[in-house]
Amino acid sequence: MTLKIKVCGITNEKEMKEIEKLDVDRIGFINIERSKRNVSLEEIEILEKKLLNKRLSTLVLEPNNAYEALLKANRTKIFNLQLHSLTCFDIRYMIWLNQYHNGERLNITKVIGLRDKINRKDEKEIKNHCLYSDNILFDYVKDGKTGGTNTHIPIDTAIEASRLVKKYDNRTEVTLAGGLNLEYLEEIYDKLHYFDRIDLNSGVEDKPGRKNIKEIKKIIKLVNEE
């Protein structure tokens, strides 16, 4: 199975260096004040400098506007952005604005929150964000917020959402998030091929911001099985 793995919510150098050695394609640093895994931009800059493979870095934001997101990307030199806010028009503007700020192309992951069923509003949001995002990440939405909820999206709902993304733009990648842990991934193993990537965060922690490396290794072994 060719399934990419992102580990999000990295808060310290020791775990970052251990995870960097594993078969992962993204490492996420969260700069969102409400998050239990929030890391300041100053700390992210320090951690990112110690990362050997800079292409792994993802900056996770919930910006008020496109300019704020771009400023943080320019400051940290991290151009893989995961956005928990902004409309598709904001993202289009940010991509346009980026042309005049640096030579690096932005890689945009837009987070879309789902509950138990997909409604018309969800489908419209999926369709609109496929236009300007490289990747759509589906997470469970709780109290109007996504990220760190430790709650699974019903797998059939997630599959339906993934099919919608591929229907509107087959080039857009789909990431499954939402409290993913080893036990649950074993349960839905036969359905993981509907997704391009899984996002590991709260489901592989001993406590917020402290990853269980052994659990992550077991998940990597699972998804790499033929």
Protein backbone atom coordinates (compact mmCIF):
# COMPACT_ATOMS: atom_id res chain seq x y z
CA MET A 1 0.00 0.00 0.00
CA THR A 2 1.40 3.39 -0.99
CA LEU A 3 0.12 5.61 1.78
CA LYS A 4 1.89 8.74 2.94
CA ILE A 5 2.14 9.53 6.63
CA LYS A 6 2.21 12.90 8.34
CA VAL A 7 2.94 13.25 12.05
CA CYS A 8 1.52 16.48 13.41
CA GLY A 9 1.82 18.38 16.66
CA ILE A 10 5.60 18.12 17.13
CA THR A 11 6.72 20.14 20.16
CA ASN A 12 10.30 19.09 20.92
CA GLU A 13 13.57 18.31 19.18
CA LYS A 14 14.07 14.79 20.59
CA GLU A 15 10.83 13.42 19.15
CA MET A 16 11.26 15.39 15.94
CA LYS A 17 14.66 13.78 15.29
CA GLU A 18 13.29 10.30 16.02
CA ILE A 19 10.30 10.80 13.73
CA GLU A 20 12.47 12.27 10.97
CA LYS A 21 14.28 8.93 10.72
CA LEU A 22 11.03 7.10 10.08
CA ASP A 23 9.16 6.64 6.79
CA VAL A 24 7.07 9.81 7.02
CA ASP A 25 6.55 12.47 4.36
CA ARG A 26 5.48 15.40 6.57
CA ILE A 27 6.11 16.69 10.09
CA GLY A 28 3.68 19.31 11.37
CA PHE A 29 4.35 22.24 13.70
CA ILE A 30 1.20 23.83 15.10
CA ASN A 31 1.06 27.58 15.62
CA ILE A 32 -2.53 27.92 16.82
CA GLU A 33 -3.05 29.45 20.24
CA ARG A 34 -6.06 27.31 21.17
CA SER A 35 -4.15 24.08 20.50
CA LYS A 36 -2.63 22.02 23.32
CA ARG A 37 0.27 21.46 20.94
CA ASN A 38 0.83 25.14 20.15
CA VAL A 39 4.43 26.09 19.46
CA SER A 40 5.58 29.69 19.07
CA LEU A 41 7.07 30.85 15.78
CA GLU A 42 10.40 31.34 17.58
CA GLU A 43 10.41 27.70 18.70
CA ILE A 44 9.33 26.50 15.26
CA GLU A 45 12.22 28.38 13.66
CA ILE A 46 14.66 26.67 16.04
CA LEU A 47 13.19 23.22 15.44
CA GLU A 48 13.02 23.65 11.67
CA LYS A 49 16.70 24.61 11.50
CA LYS A 50 17.58 21.30 13.17
CA LEU A 51 15.50 19.29 10.72
CA LEU A 52 17.77 17.69 8.13
CA ASN A 53 15.07 17.31 5.48
CA LYS A 54 13.44 20.74 5.27
CA ARG A 55 10.80 19.45 2.84
CA LEU A 56 9.19 17.51 5.69
CA SER A 57 8.14 20.68 7.53
CA THR A 58 4.49 21.72 7.58
CA LEU A 59 3.29 24.89 9.28
CA VAL A 60 -0.18 24.44 10.77
CA LEU A 61 -2.10 27.71 11.07
CA GLU A 62 -5.50 29.22 11.75
CA PRO A 63 -4.86 32.71 10.35
CA ASN A 64 -7.27 35.63 10.35
CA ASN A 65 -6.35 36.46 6.77
CA ALA A 66 -4.14 35.49 3.85
CA TYR A 67 -1.46 38.05 4.65
CA GLU A 68 -0.97 36.70 8.17
CA ALA A 69 -0.43 33.19 6.81
CA LEU A 70 2.06 34.42 4.23
CA LEU A 71 4.01 36.44 6.80
CA LYS A 72 4.38 33.37 9.01
CA ALA A 73 5.45 31.22 6.06
CA ASN A 74 8.07 33.78 5.05
CA ARG A 75 9.36 34.10 8.59
CA THR A 76 9.75 30.37 9.23
CA LYS A 77 10.72 29.51 5.63
CA ILE A 78 8.12 26.73 5.74
CA PHE A 79 6.01 26.71 2.59
CA ASN A 80 3.94 23.59 3.24
CA LEU A 81 0.92 25.22 4.90
CA GLN A 82 -1.98 23.49 6.62
CA LEU A 83 -4.85 25.93 7.06
CA HIS A 84 -7.66 25.52 9.57
CA SER A 85 -9.29 28.73 8.34
CA LEU A 86 -9.58 30.97 5.23
CA THR A 87 -11.98 30.76 2.31
CA CYS A 88 -10.99 29.55 -1.15
CA PHE A 89 -10.87 33.21 -2.23
CA ASP A 90 -8.45 34.00 0.61
CA ILE A 91 -6.25 31.12 -0.48
CA ARG A 92 -6.34 32.24 -4.12
CA TYR A 93 -5.28 35.73 -3.01
CA MET A 94 -2.48 34.30 -0.86
CA ILE A 95 -1.13 32.27 -3.78
CA TRP A 96 -1.21 35.39 -5.98
CA LEU A 97 0.43 37.52 -3.29
CA ASN A 98 3.15 34.93 -2.73
CA GLN A 99 4.53 35.55 -6.23
CA TYR A 100 5.82 38.91 -5.04
CA HIS A 101 7.29 37.71 -1.74
CA ASN A 102 9.55 34.75 -2.47
CA GLY A 103 10.52 32.19 -5.09
CA GLU A 104 9.08 29.23 -3.21
CA ARG A 105 5.81 27.71 -4.31
CA LEU A 106 3.23 27.32 -1.57
CA ASN A 107 1.88 23.82 -0.99
CA ILE A 108 -1.57 24.26 0.53
CA THR A 109 -3.42 21.76 2.67
CA LYS A 110 -6.94 22.94 3.51
CA VAL A 111 -8.63 21.37 6.50
CA ILE A 112 -12.33 20.64 6.10
CA GLY A 113 -14.31 19.55 9.12
CA LEU A 114 -16.84 16.74 8.80
CA ARG A 115 -19.36 15.21 11.14
CA ASP A 116 -21.37 12.03 10.66
CA LYS A 117 -22.85 12.87 7.25
CA ILE A 118 -21.91 15.08 4.31
CA ASN A 119 -24.42 17.82 3.57
CA ARG A 120 -24.70 20.23 0.63
CA LYS A 121 -22.64 22.86 2.42
CA ASP A 122 -19.83 20.34 2.94
CA GLU A 123 -19.90 19.32 -0.72
CA LYS A 124 -19.76 22.93 -1.87
CA GLU A 125 -16.80 23.59 0.43
CA ILE A 126 -14.99 20.54 -0.91
CA LYS A 127 -15.62 21.59 -4.52
CA ASN A 128 -14.43 25.16 -3.94
CA HIS A 129 -11.25 24.24 -2.09
CA CYS A 130 -10.20 21.69 -4.72
CA LEU A 131 -9.62 24.66 -7.02
CA TYR A 132 -6.70 26.15 -5.08
CA SER A 133 -5.50 23.52 -2.60
CA ASP A 134 -2.94 20.79 -3.24
CA ASN A 135 -4.38 18.65 -0.49
CA ILE A 136 -7.66 18.39 1.39
CA LEU A 137 -7.42 17.13 4.97
CA PHE A 138 -10.61 15.79 6.50
CA ASP A 139 -10.87 16.07 10.27
CA TYR A 140 -13.73 15.70 12.69
CA VAL A 141 -15.29 19.04 13.58
CA LYS A 142 -16.32 19.64 17.18
CA ASP A 143 -17.82 22.87 18.50
CA GLY A 144 -17.06 24.42 15.11
CA LYS A 145 -13.33 23.67 15.39
CA THR A 146 -11.03 21.14 13.74
CA GLY A 147 -7.77 19.72 15.05
CA GLY A 148 -6.92 17.73 18.16
CA THR A 149 -10.48 16.48 18.73
CA ASN A 150 -9.32 12.83 19.01
CA THR A 151 -12.58 11.82 17.29
CA HIS A 152 -12.90 9.62 14.20
CA ILE A 153 -14.90 10.64 11.16
CA PRO A 154 -17.19 7.70 10.28
CA ILE A 155 -15.11 5.91 7.67
CA ASP A 156 -17.91 5.70 5.08
CA THR A 157 -18.39 9.47 5.38
CA ALA A 158 -14.66 10.04 4.93
CA ILE A 159 -14.62 7.80 1.85
CA GLU A 160 -17.56 9.68 0.36
CA ALA A 161 -15.70 12.96 0.94
CA SER A 162 -12.55 11.56 -0.66
CA ARG A 163 -14.51 10.49 -3.73
CA LEU A 164 -15.91 14.00 -4.05
CA VAL A 165 -12.40 15.47 -4.04
CA LYS A 166 -11.27 13.10 -6.78
CA LYS A 167 -14.43 13.85 -8.74
CA TYR A 168 -13.76 17.58 -8.77
CA ASP A 169 -9.96 17.40 -9.18
CA ASN A 170 -8.20 14.06 -9.34
CA ARG A 171 -4.83 15.75 -8.75
CA THR A 172 -5.79 16.97 -5.28
CA GLU A 173 -4.51 14.71 -2.53
CA VAL A 174 -6.74 13.57 0.32
CA THR A 175 -5.57 13.19 3.91
CA LEU A 176 -7.54 11.38 6.60
CA ALA A 177 -7.22 12.73 10.14
CA GLY A 178 -9.28 12.52 13.32
CA GLY A 179 -7.80 10.67 16.31
CA LEU A 180 -6.16 7.96 14.20
CA ASN A 181 -4.49 5.24 16.27
CA LEU A 182 -3.16 1.74 15.61
CA GLU A 183 -6.30 -0.10 16.70
CA TYR A 184 -8.58 2.00 14.50
CA LEU A 185 -6.25 1.86 11.50
CA GLU A 186 -6.14 -1.94 11.77
CA GLU A 187 -9.95 -1.91 11.78
CA ILE A 188 -10.22 0.23 8.62
CA TYR A 189 -7.08 -1.10 6.92
CA ASP A 190 -8.94 -2.38 3.85
CA LYS A 191 -10.37 1.10 3.26
CA LEU A 192 -7.19 3.14 3.56
CA HIS A 193 -6.58 2.95 -0.19
CA TYR A 194 -9.23 5.66 -0.64
CA PHE A 195 -6.78 8.17 0.86
CA ASP A 196 -3.38 9.50 -0.16
CA ARG A 197 -2.16 10.24 3.35
CA ILE A 198 -3.00 9.75 7.01
CA ASP A 199 -2.40 12.39 9.67
CA LEU A 200 -1.23 11.14 13.06
CA ASN A 201 -1.55 13.42 16.07
CA SER A 202 -3.69 12.99 19.18
CA GLY A 203 -4.21 9.26 18.57
CA VAL A 204 -0.49 8.50 18.95
CA GLU A 205 0.22 10.52 22.08
CA ASP A 206 0.92 9.61 25.70
CA LYS A 207 -0.18 13.15 26.54
CA PRO A 208 -0.74 16.30 24.43
CA GLY A 209 2.45 17.11 22.54
CA ARG A 210 4.27 13.91 23.53
CA LYS A 211 4.28 11.28 20.81
CA ASN A 212 4.44 7.53 21.36
CA ILE A 213 7.21 6.62 18.92
CA LYS A 214 6.61 2.88 19.26
CA GLU A 215 2.97 3.35 18.27
CA ILE A 216 4.00 5.41 15.23
CA LYS A 217 6.48 2.71 14.16
CA LYS A 218 3.76 0.05 14.39
CA ILE A 219 1.45 2.15 12.21
CA ILE A 220 4.19 2.65 9.63
CA LYS A 221 4.78 -1.11 9.57
CA LEU A 222 1.04 -1.69 9.15
CA VAL A 223 0.58 0.63 6.18
CA ASN A 224 3.72 -0.67 4.49
CA GLU A 225 2.44 -4.24 4.51
CA GLU A 226 1.63 -5.67 1.10
